[in-house]
Amino acid sequence: MGDRNTPTTTGRRGDLAQKRSSAGDVETFLRQARAIATPAGKGGGRLVLALDATMSRQPTWDLACALQARMFDAVGGIGTLDVQLVYFRGFGECRASRFVRDTEALKNLMTRIDCRGGRTQIGKVLSHALRESRRGKVNALVYIGDAMEEPVDDLAAKAGELGLHGVPVFLFQEGGDPVAETAYREIARLSKGAYFRFDRNSADTLAKLLSSVAVYAAGGLAALEARDRPEDRLMIGHMRSGKDR
């Protein structure tokens, strides 16, 4: 993604060991991502799946991995969908895989990523999605997180650019942090996407909404209208009204 920041060493043996371990994990992630990558198909949809992998997300990380697999179950009869995994964690670490079509392999890749302390890097995610949209059509950006620790005006500007490029952002907030909610809602509004909140008790609802995003990315609003499930109608209502209920 062009962001290659790593922690600066203090000279302490423990810090150096942690740095080497982190670098090794990243290289393993990138090598695995290259191995499962497949070329994007002509006429297929492309979706960027971005995850906050900071330490606060650890308790529900396995849930996010499982939901990632379920969100693509409904795409089969509609078209193809290529997915790119983006995650951030630690001190400035923000990484992306290539676009892949093997979602089982993508899930396995996610399970190898451990959460680490750090601040949010949503701005990097939005900038990355913009760069990808200039290389080729990106049909949707999904972001799953629980916090926001960045200047909201900067995020809003990038969200507006994504809206102009036809890349709606679908934000799913874990928990009820009010600062994050305000920012997520504004990003969704400006990008013509949608905002939703979830917790462990609403995992099934979240999975259904994620499947709606996948259907949209693969076939557009027409595909959602044709499938016509309650979650599809809810998603269409959010996108058309520009309001996040």
Foldseek 3Di string as FASTA:
>chain_A
DPFDDDDDDPPDPVRVVVRVVVVVLVVVLQVLLVVQADDDDPLFFEEEEEEEQAPVCQVCLLLVLVLQVLLAPPCVVQAAYWYKYWYDADDRDIDIGHTHRPSVSVSVSSVSDHHHHDADDVLVVLVVVLVVLVVDNHQEYEYEEADHDDPLVSLLVSLLVLLVSNYAYEYEHEDDDPVVVVSVLSSRLNNLFEYYYDYPVCSVVVSVLSNLSNQCRGHNLVSLVVVDDPSSVVRVVCSVVSGYD
